[in-house]
């Protein structure tokens, strides 16, 4: 008798409780994976902001090109400019005094 009850409990767990538990959490995950209207509104605002910033950047590039057509070649590699500033600082440091020279502000 005890073995029959144990078999019924095991079959009930395997065929009723376990699938119910799996399907319950699958539906929970699916409902949370969708975008809410608030999320969609935020994405629309961010898209509009990105478009406006892109327009501003294009305007600035047009102004810079009108003032100096070669501005891109001057500002293309900021790392090289930093290396030039460093070599200038090192040469002035070794040439005059032991105090470091301030670059920039």
Protein backbone atom coordinates (compact mmCIF):
# COMPACT_ATOMS: atom_id res chain seq x y z
CA UNK A 1 0.00 0.00 0.00
CA UNK A 2 2.78 2.40 0.87
CA UNK A 3 4.56 1.64 -2.41
CA UNK A 4 1.40 2.45 -4.39
CA UNK A 5 1.00 5.81 -2.65
CA UNK A 6 4.68 6.59 -3.28
CA UNK A 7 4.25 5.74 -6.99
CA UNK A 8 1.17 7.99 -7.27
CA UNK A 9 3.02 10.89 -5.63
CA UNK A 10 6.05 10.46 -7.91
CA UNK A 11 3.90 10.25 -11.06
CA UNK A 12 1.93 13.31 -9.91
CA UNK A 13 5.11 15.27 -9.34
CA UNK A 14 6.64 14.24 -12.67
CA UNK A 15 3.59 14.76 -14.86
CA UNK A 16 1.68 17.55 -13.09
CA UNK A 17 3.83 19.61 -10.73
CA UNK A 18 7.05 19.77 -12.76
CA UNK A 19 5.44 20.84 -16.08
CA UNK A 20 3.23 23.35 -14.24
CA UNK A 21 6.31 24.86 -12.60
CA UNK A 22 8.19 25.06 -15.91
CA UNK A 23 5.27 26.60 -17.82
CA UNK A 24 4.59 29.04 -15.00
CA UNK A 25 8.10 30.50 -15.14
CA UNK A 26 8.22 30.43 -18.96
CA UNK A 27 5.13 32.63 -19.09
CA UNK A 28 6.60 34.94 -16.44
CA UNK A 29 9.82 35.34 -18.47
CA UNK A 30 7.89 36.00 -21.67
CA UNK A 31 5.74 38.67 -20.07
CA UNK A 32 8.78 40.47 -18.64
CA UNK A 33 10.74 40.39 -21.91
CA UNK A 34 8.38 42.76 -23.73
CA UNK A 35 8.79 46.51 -23.93
CA UNK A 36 6.33 48.61 -22.02
CA UNK A 37 4.87 51.79 -23.44
CA UNK A 38 7.14 53.73 -21.10
CA UNK A 39 10.17 51.96 -22.57
CA UNK A 40 8.98 52.67 -26.10
CA UNK A 41 8.51 56.36 -25.28
CA UNK A 42 12.00 56.51 -23.79
CA UNK A 43 13.47 54.89 -26.92
CA UNK A 44 11.62 57.40 -29.11
CA UNK A 45 12.98 60.30 -27.06
CA UNK A 46 16.52 58.90 -27.21
CA UNK A 47 16.24 58.42 -30.98
CA UNK A 48 15.05 62.01 -31.41
CA UNK A 49 17.88 63.29 -29.21
CA UNK A 50 20.46 61.29 -31.16
CA UNK A 51 19.11 62.65 -34.44
CA UNK A 52 19.28 66.24 -33.14
CA UNK A 53 22.83 65.75 -31.87
CA UNK A 54 23.84 64.32 -35.24
CA UNK A 55 22.36 67.38 -36.96
CA UNK A 56 24.29 69.68 -34.60
CA UNK A 57 27.51 67.79 -35.26
CA UNK A 58 27.01 68.10 -39.02
CA UNK A 59 26.43 71.85 -38.60
CA UNK A 60 29.61 72.24 -36.54
CA UNK A 61 31.60 70.26 -39.12
CA UNK A 62 30.24 72.50 -41.92
CA UNK A 63 31.25 75.63 -39.99
CA UNK A 64 34.70 74.23 -39.24
CA UNK A 65 35.21 73.26 -42.89
CA UNK A 66 34.16 76.74 -44.01
CA UNK A 67 36.67 78.37 -41.66
CA UNK A 68 39.55 75.93 -42.16
CA UNK A 69 39.25 73.23 -44.83
CA UNK A 70 42.20 71.29 -43.37
CA UNK A 71 40.88 71.10 -39.82
CA UNK A 72 40.36 67.34 -40.00
CA UNK A 73 44.02 66.65 -40.73
CA UNK A 74 45.04 68.87 -37.82
CA UNK A 75 42.72 67.22 -35.30
CA UNK A 76 42.69 63.65 -36.57
CA UNK A 77 45.13 62.06 -34.09
CA UNK A 78 44.93 63.45 -30.54
CA UNK A 79 47.44 60.86 -29.35
CA UNK A 80 50.12 62.27 -31.64
CA UNK A 81 49.44 65.77 -30.32
CA UNK A 82 49.83 64.47 -26.78
CA UNK A 83 53.16 62.90 -27.69
CA UNK A 84 54.33 66.17 -29.22
CA UNK A 85 53.38 68.07 -26.05
CA UNK A 86 55.26 65.53 -23.95
CA UNK A 87 58.42 65.78 -26.04
CA UNK A 88 58.26 69.59 -25.80
CA UNK A 89 57.90 69.37 -22.03
CA UNK A 90 60.80 66.93 -21.70
CA UNK A 91 63.10 69.03 -23.87
CA UNK A 92 62.33 72.22 -21.93
CA UNK A 93 62.77 70.40 -18.63
CA UNK A 94 66.21 69.05 -19.48
CA UNK A 95 67.35 72.28 -21.15
CA UNK A 96 66.71 74.84 -18.43
CA UNK A 97 65.85 73.90 -14.86
CA UNK A 98 64.79 71.01 -12.73
CA UNK A 99 61.25 72.38 -12.40
CA UNK A 100 58.66 70.86 -14.74
CA UNK A 101 57.07 73.14 -17.28
CA UNK A 102 53.29 73.46 -17.10
CA UNK A 103 51.46 72.77 -20.31
CA UNK A 104 47.93 74.00 -20.79
CA UNK A 105 46.15 75.76 -17.96
